[in-house]
């Protein structure tokens, strides 16, 4: 599984931008080396998957990509099968590499979700399965019930948002050989800015941008990869350079881990009623 992935929740979202413009931006990322593509049935009302599918069909490059999609909401057997079949149709492919439950739904018995995933695997509609936004209790429950491996937990994690550390989600994933796939790794651009002395000092030391320091720190954590979202050409290039050809020293990794200012214990992307106690 690639260390760096491209998020597509905004791909096709703005109806004032033509599909062809979106596809050109997306395909530039593919051209420079992005292979892991992260989408979901609900992204841009389904348009994200459709645009990816148009590109896959035109370029005939499916085998070069690692495609991820997700199901949201009705995650019982019927809902999951409907979701992945709709995704596969939009993506113009027979399978995805990784299928995720986008978020827990405590209104649906977990055994119904597990049964749906089993059916998806039996029908070879995905190579691997995982979850997203699963806190520790939910993650442990699905692992205990499932007779298949959970290979990924996509979770909100970066230098500022440390819930994955505070509530032992990262540690659990590392011990269970589960990839923690960090989304919003730059906290909506806050970690890309000049003004944080620690990031600024390390950016000067390594001759990198603040953004590259923040991304490199994430992948120094064992079992972590990252999902970025940008279609700015310079940023796309810089993101690749953030994780290739160099690394933070262990001393600087620990400096950021233990001394980064204003860290937050809870994600602001998930509802508080599922927080760990």
Protein backbone atom coordinates (compact mmCIF):
# COMPACT_ATOMS: atom_id res chain seq x y z
CA UNK A 1 0.00 0.00 0.00
CA UNK A 2 1.57 3.34 -1.02
CA UNK A 3 2.69 5.73 1.71
CA UNK A 4 1.08 8.70 -0.02
CA UNK A 5 -2.49 8.85 -1.27
CA UNK A 6 -4.62 11.44 -3.04
CA UNK A 7 -7.95 12.36 -1.47
CA UNK A 8 -10.81 13.18 -3.82
CA UNK A 9 -13.70 14.42 -1.67
CA UNK A 10 -13.65 17.74 -3.56
CA UNK A 11 -13.14 16.22 -7.03
CA UNK A 12 -16.16 17.28 -9.07
CA UNK A 13 -17.77 19.13 -6.18
CA UNK A 14 -17.93 22.59 -7.75
CA UNK A 15 -20.41 22.54 -10.63
CA UNK A 16 -18.95 25.77 -11.98
CA UNK A 17 -15.77 23.87 -12.86
CA UNK A 18 -16.06 21.55 -15.86
CA UNK A 19 -15.47 17.83 -15.55
CA UNK A 20 -12.61 18.10 -18.04
CA UNK A 21 -10.81 20.65 -15.86
CA UNK A 22 -11.17 18.36 -12.87
CA UNK A 23 -9.94 15.37 -14.86
CA UNK A 24 -6.87 17.28 -16.07
CA UNK A 25 -5.99 18.23 -12.51
CA UNK A 26 -6.53 14.66 -11.33
CA UNK A 27 -4.52 13.14 -14.14
CA UNK A 28 -1.59 15.46 -13.50
CA UNK A 29 -1.34 13.84 -10.07
CA UNK A 30 -1.32 10.40 -11.70
CA UNK A 31 1.32 11.51 -14.20
CA UNK A 32 3.77 12.53 -11.47
CA UNK A 33 3.38 9.33 -9.49
CA UNK A 34 0.26 9.27 -7.30
CA UNK A 35 -1.15 5.74 -7.29
CA UNK A 36 -3.31 5.49 -4.18
CA UNK A 37 -6.65 7.17 -4.90
CA UNK A 38 -9.06 7.62 -2.00
CA UNK A 39 -12.71 8.23 -2.77
CA UNK A 40 -16.19 7.38 -1.41
CA UNK A 41 -19.69 6.89 -2.75
CA UNK A 42 -20.83 10.15 -1.13
CA UNK A 43 -17.97 12.37 -2.36
CA UNK A 44 -19.28 15.20 -4.53
CA UNK A 45 -22.63 13.43 -4.67
CA UNK A 46 -21.03 10.51 -6.53
CA UNK A 47 -19.28 12.72 -9.06
CA UNK A 48 -15.84 12.03 -7.60
CA UNK A 49 -16.07 8.33 -8.42
CA UNK A 50 -17.53 9.06 -11.86
CA UNK A 51 -14.64 11.36 -12.80
CA UNK A 52 -12.09 8.83 -11.58
CA UNK A 53 -13.90 6.20 -13.63
CA UNK A 54 -13.77 8.34 -16.76
CA UNK A 55 -10.03 8.74 -16.30
CA UNK A 56 -9.48 5.02 -15.66
CA UNK A 57 -11.45 4.12 -18.78
CA UNK A 58 -9.64 6.63 -20.98
CA UNK A 59 -6.13 5.85 -19.76
CA UNK A 60 -6.56 2.07 -19.32
CA UNK A 61 -4.39 2.24 -16.21
CA UNK A 62 -6.49 0.41 -13.62
CA UNK A 63 -3.77 -2.08 -12.65
CA UNK A 64 -1.37 0.76 -11.83
CA UNK A 65 -3.72 2.27 -9.26
CA UNK A 66 -4.64 1.41 -5.68
CA UNK A 67 -8.32 2.39 -5.50
CA UNK A 68 -10.09 2.94 -2.19
CA UNK A 69 -13.78 3.62 -1.76
CA UNK A 70 -16.11 3.73 1.23
CA UNK A 71 -19.70 3.03 2.21
CA UNK A 72 -21.59 5.41 4.47
CA UNK A 73 -24.88 5.29 6.34
CA UNK A 74 -26.78 2.08 5.64
CA UNK A 75 -24.02 -0.44 6.27
CA UNK A 76 -26.03 -3.63 6.61
CA UNK A 77 -25.60 -6.43 4.07
CA UNK A 78 -27.97 -4.97 1.49
CA UNK A 79 -26.67 -1.43 1.91
CA UNK A 80 -23.03 -2.44 1.61
CA UNK A 81 -23.59 -4.51 -1.52
CA UNK A 82 -25.58 -1.70 -3.10
CA UNK A 83 -22.90 0.83 -2.22
CA UNK A 84 -19.94 -1.09 -3.59
CA UNK A 85 -21.77 -2.08 -6.78
CA UNK A 86 -22.64 1.57 -7.40
CA UNK A 87 -19.02 2.52 -6.74
CA UNK A 88 -17.65 -0.12 -9.10
CA UNK A 89 -20.02 1.00 -11.83
CA UNK A 90 -18.96 4.63 -11.42
CA UNK A 91 -15.26 3.76 -11.19
CA UNK A 92 -15.54 1.55 -14.28
CA UNK A 93 -13.79 -1.36 -12.60
CA UNK A 94 -14.61 -4.89 -11.44
CA UNK A 95 -13.01 -4.44 -8.02
CA UNK A 96 -11.44 -1.95 -5.64
CA UNK A 97 -8.20 -2.58 -3.84
CA UNK A 98 -9.60 -1.49 -0.48
CA UNK A 99 -13.19 -1.09 0.70
CA UNK A 100 -13.82 0.86 3.91
CA UNK A 101 -16.73 1.35 6.27
CA UNK A 102 -16.70 5.14 6.29
CA UNK A 103 -17.87 5.57 9.87
CA UNK A 104 -19.50 3.38 12.53
CA UNK A 105 -23.29 3.23 12.54
CA UNK A 106 -24.45 2.12 15.96
CA UNK A 107 -28.06 1.91 14.77
CA UNK A 108 -27.16 -1.13 12.66
CA UNK A 109 -26.08 -4.35 14.39
CA UNK A 110 -22.40 -4.95 13.74
CA UNK A 111 -23.06 -8.56 12.71
CA UNK A 112 -25.07 -7.25 9.74
CA UNK A 113 -22.13 -5.09 8.68
CA UNK A 114 -19.74 -8.02 9.01
CA UNK A 115 -22.06 -10.25 6.99
CA UNK A 116 -22.16 -7.64 4.22
CA UNK A 117 -18.38 -7.40 4.12
CA UNK A 118 -18.11 -11.19 3.96
CA UNK A 119 -20.41 -11.22 0.92
CA UNK A 120 -18.34 -8.50 -0.77
CA UNK A 121 -15.15 -10.53 -0.22
CA UNK A 122 -16.77 -13.74 -1.41
CA UNK A 123 -17.76 -12.00 -4.64
CA UNK A 124 -14.21 -10.63 -5.15
CA UNK A 125 -15.46 -7.05 -5.27
CA UNK A 126 -12.51 -5.89 -3.17
CA UNK A 127 -9.05 -7.21 -2.35
CA UNK A 128 -8.96 -5.86 1.19
CA UNK A 129 -11.31 -4.32 3.73
CA UNK A 130 -10.89 -1.78 6.48
CA UNK A 131 -12.65 0.93 8.43
CA UNK A 132 -12.57 4.68 8.79
CA UNK A 133 -13.16 6.89 11.82
CA UNK A 134 -13.30 3.86 14.13
CA UNK A 135 -12.26 4.68 17.65
CA UNK A 136 -10.70 1.98 19.79
CA UNK A 137 -13.85 0.31 21.15
CA UNK A 138 -15.46 0.08 17.71
CA UNK A 139 -12.23 -1.15 16.15
CA UNK A 140 -11.82 -3.91 18.74
CA UNK A 141 -15.45 -5.01 18.29
CA UNK A 142 -15.28 -5.45 14.54
CA UNK A 143 -11.92 -7.24 14.73
CA UNK A 144 -13.32 -9.66 17.32
CA UNK A 145 -16.43 -10.42 15.23
CA UNK A 146 -14.85 -10.56 11.76
CA UNK A 147 -13.31 -13.69 10.24
CA UNK A 148 -11.33 -11.51 7.80
CA UNK A 149 -8.48 -9.08 8.47
CA UNK A 150 -9.10 -5.37 8.97
CA UNK A 151 -6.06 -3.90 7.24
CA UNK A 152 -6.68 -0.14 7.56
CA UNK A 153 -8.26 2.36 9.91
CA UNK A 154 -8.46 5.73 8.18
CA UNK A 155 -8.30 8.33 10.94
CA UNK A 156 -7.86 12.07 11.50
CA UNK A 157 -4.25 12.44 12.62
CA UNK A 158 -1.56 15.07 12.33
CA UNK A 159 0.84 17.12 14.45
CA UNK A 160 -2.06 19.10 15.89
CA UNK A 161 -4.76 16.44 16.24
CA UNK A 162 -3.46 13.68 18.52
CA UNK A 163 -6.55 11.64 19.36
CA UNK A 164 -5.00 8.58 17.72
CA UNK A 165 -2.15 8.77 20.23
CA UNK A 166 -4.05 9.89 23.32
CA UNK A 167 -6.60 7.08 23.13
CA UNK A 168 -4.15 4.37 22.00
CA UNK A 169 -5.64 3.93 18.53
CA UNK A 170 -2.25 4.30 16.86
CA UNK A 171 -0.57 1.94 19.31
CA UNK A 172 -3.30 -0.65 18.85
CA UNK A 173 -3.05 -0.44 15.06
CA UNK A 174 0.72 -0.84 15.23
CA UNK A 175 0.41 -3.92 17.44
CA UNK A 176 -2.29 -5.46 15.23
CA UNK A 177 -0.50 -4.74 11.94
CA UNK A 178 -3.24 -2.32 10.84
CA UNK A 179 -2.31 0.72 8.78
CA UNK A 180 -3.49 3.98 10.29
CA UNK A 181 -4.20 6.07 7.22
CA UNK A 182 -3.97 9.71 8.31
CA UNK A 183 -6.40 12.07 6.63
CA UNK A 184 -6.23 15.85 6.92
CA UNK A 185 -2.49 15.49 7.63
CA UNK A 186 -2.00 19.26 7.37
CA UNK A 187 -5.09 20.22 9.40
CA UNK A 188 -6.76 22.22 6.64
CA UNK A 189 -3.56 24.08 5.81
CA UNK A 190 -2.66 25.15 9.35
CA UNK A 191 0.52 23.06 9.24
CA UNK A 192 1.56 24.56 5.91
CA UNK A 193 1.93 28.09 7.22
CA UNK A 194 4.91 30.07 8.43
CA UNK A 195 4.60 31.10 12.06
CA UNK A 196 5.04 27.97 14.13
CA UNK A 197 8.56 28.36 15.50
CA UNK A 198 9.25 24.64 15.79
CA UNK A 199 8.13 23.92 12.22
CA UNK A 200 9.90 27.03 10.93
CA UNK A 201 13.18 26.05 12.58
CA UNK A 202 13.05 22.51 11.21
CA UNK A 203 12.06 23.74 7.75
CA UNK A 204 15.21 25.88 7.70
CA UNK A 205 17.34 23.04 9.08
CA UNK A 206 16.24 20.52 6.43
CA UNK A 207 15.66 23.07 3.65
CA UNK A 208 12.09 21.89 3.31
CA UNK A 209 8.68 23.53 3.62
CA UNK A 210 6.67 23.45 6.84
CA UNK A 211 4.23 21.16 5.04
CA UNK A 212 6.98 18.71 4.13
CA UNK A 213 8.21 18.57 7.72
CA UNK A 214 4.67 17.83 8.95
CA UNK A 215 4.13 15.08 6.38
CA UNK A 216 7.50 13.45 6.94
CA UNK A 217 6.84 13.38 10.68
CA UNK A 218 3.66 11.40 10.10
CA UNK A 219 5.27 8.64 8.06
CA UNK A 220 8.02 8.21 10.66
CA UNK A 221 5.28 6.71 12.82
CA UNK A 222 5.22 2.97 12.15
CA UNK A 223 2.14 1.69 10.26
CA UNK A 224 1.07 5.18 9.14
CA UNK A 225 0.41 6.43 5.64
CA UNK A 226 -1.13 9.73 4.58
CA UNK A 227 -3.98 10.99 2.41
CA UNK A 228 -3.45 14.50 1.06
CA UNK A 229 -5.94 16.57 -0.87
CA UNK A 230 -4.73 19.22 -3.29
CA UNK A 231 -4.74 19.80 -7.02
CA UNK A 232 -2.17 22.58 -6.94
CA UNK A 233 0.70 21.32 -9.09
CA UNK A 234 3.47 22.66 -6.88
CA UNK A 235 1.90 21.20 -3.76
CA UNK A 236 1.43 17.83 -5.44
CA UNK A 237 5.14 17.75 -6.27
CA UNK A 238 6.16 18.95 -2.81
CA UNK A 239 4.03 16.26 -1.16
CA UNK A 240 5.94 13.55 -3.00
CA UNK A 241 9.23 15.21 -2.05
CA UNK A 242 8.06 15.27 1.56
CA UNK A 243 8.32 11.50 1.87
CA UNK A 244 11.13 10.55 -0.53
CA UNK A 245 14.90 10.92 -0.39
CA UNK A 246 15.22 12.19 3.17
CA UNK A 247 13.91 11.72 6.69
CA UNK A 248 13.71 13.60 9.95
CA UNK A 249 16.24 12.49 12.52
CA UNK A 250 14.82 10.49 15.40
CA UNK A 251 15.72 13.37 17.71
CA UNK A 252 13.67 15.81 15.62
CA UNK A 253 10.84 13.31 15.30
CA UNK A 254 10.63 13.14 19.09
CA UNK A 255 10.97 16.91 19.37
CA UNK A 256 7.86 17.35 17.24
CA UNK A 257 6.02 14.52 18.94
CA UNK A 258 6.60 15.73 22.47
CA UNK A 259 6.92 19.50 22.15
CA UNK A 260 4.57 20.60 19.39
CA UNK A 261 2.44 23.45 20.77
CA UNK A 262 -1.36 23.53 21.06
CA UNK A 263 -2.01 19.86 20.34
CA UNK A 264 -5.67 18.79 20.50
CA UNK A 265 -6.83 15.51 22.03
CA UNK A 266 -9.99 15.05 19.95
CA UNK A 267 -10.67 15.05 16.24
CA UNK A 268 -13.06 17.74 15.02
CA UNK A 269 -14.16 15.47 12.14
CA UNK A 270 -16.11 12.93 14.18
CA UNK A 271 -19.20 13.29 16.39
CA UNK A 272 -18.51 13.51 20.13
CA UNK A 273 -21.01 10.76 21.02
CA UNK A 274 -18.53 8.12 19.81
CA UNK A 275 -15.56 9.41 21.80
CA UNK A 276 -13.71 7.07 24.10
CA UNK A 277 -14.22 7.55 27.83
